[in-house]
Amino acid sequence: MMRLSIPFSAFWLRSSVVSVLISLISDTWANGPHDIKFIF
């Protein structure tokens, strides 16, 4: 049971992080490409 829940939570965490990164990058890209270096 533990081995099944760990990959599932990791997958959910990665998908949520990816969606947040996409919205963050699109917002930053609207401001200017030079701001992306500041985020990373």
C-alpha atoms as a PDB file:
ATOM      1  CA  MET A   1       0.000   0.000   0.000  1.00  0.00           C
ATOM      2  CA  MET A   2       2.821   2.388   0.856  1.00  0.00           C
ATOM      3  CA  ARG A   3       4.621   1.719  -2.421  1.00  0.00           C
ATOM      4  CA  LEU A   4       1.439   2.480  -4.359  1.00  0.00           C
ATOM      5  CA  SER A   5       0.704   5.778  -2.614  1.00  0.00           C
ATOM      6  CA  ILE A   6       4.216   7.214  -2.999  1.00  0.00           C
ATOM      7  CA  PRO A   7       4.339   7.202  -6.846  1.00  0.00           C
ATOM      8  CA  PHE A   8       0.747   8.480  -6.969  1.00  0.00           C
ATOM      9  CA  SER A   9       1.484  11.448  -4.695  1.00  0.00           C
ATOM     10  CA  ALA A  10       4.734  12.114  -6.563  1.00  0.00           C
ATOM     11  CA  PHE A  11       2.830  12.102  -9.864  1.00  0.00           C
ATOM     12  CA  TRP A  12       0.169  14.453  -8.452  1.00  0.00           C
ATOM     13  CA  LEU A  13       2.848  16.733  -7.037  1.00  0.00           C
ATOM     14  CA  ARG A  14       4.759  16.819 -10.316  1.00  0.00           C
ATOM     15  CA  SER A  15       1.628  17.539 -12.376  1.00  0.00           C
ATOM     16  CA  SER A  16       0.595  20.387 -10.055  1.00  0.00           C
ATOM     17  CA  VAL A  17       4.121  21.833 -10.092  1.00  0.00           C
ATOM     18  CA  VAL A  18       4.210  21.624 -13.899  1.00  0.00           C
ATOM     19  CA  SER A  19       0.886  23.458 -14.220  1.00  0.00           C
ATOM     20  CA  VAL A  20       2.065  26.157 -11.788  1.00  0.00           C
ATOM     21  CA  LEU A  21       5.330  26.521 -13.707  1.00  0.00           C
ATOM     22  CA  ILE A  22       3.467  26.836 -17.016  1.00  0.00           C
ATOM     23  CA  SER A  23       1.215  29.614 -15.711  1.00  0.00           C
ATOM     24  CA  LEU A  24       4.193  31.311 -14.057  1.00  0.00           C
ATOM     25  CA  ILE A  25       6.289  31.175 -17.235  1.00  0.00           C
ATOM     26  CA  SER A  26       3.432  32.427 -19.425  1.00  0.00           C
ATOM     27  CA  ASP A  27       2.846  35.346 -17.044  1.00  0.00           C
ATOM     28  CA  THR A  28       6.563  36.138 -16.983  1.00  0.00           C
ATOM     29  CA  TRP A  29       6.841  35.811 -20.765  1.00  0.00           C
ATOM     30  CA  ALA A  30       4.140  38.493 -21.097  1.00  0.00           C
ATOM     31  CA  ASN A  31       6.246  40.827 -18.930  1.00  0.00           C
ATOM     32  CA  GLY A  32       9.521  40.047 -20.676  1.00  0.00           C
ATOM     33  CA  PRO A  33      11.824  37.071 -21.418  1.00  0.00           C
ATOM     34  CA  HIS A  34      14.583  38.574 -19.255  1.00  0.00           C
ATOM     35  CA  ASP A  35      12.527  37.959 -16.099  1.00  0.00           C
ATOM     36  CA  ILE A  36      12.740  34.166 -16.507  1.00  0.00           C
ATOM     37  CA  LYS A  37      16.393  34.167 -15.426  1.00  0.00           C
ATOM     38  CA  PHE A  38      15.331  35.888 -12.202  1.00  0.00           C
ATOM     39  CA  ILE A  39      12.874  33.077 -11.381  1.00  0.00           C
ATOM     40  CA  PHE A  40      15.388  30.281 -11.898  1.00  0.00           C
END
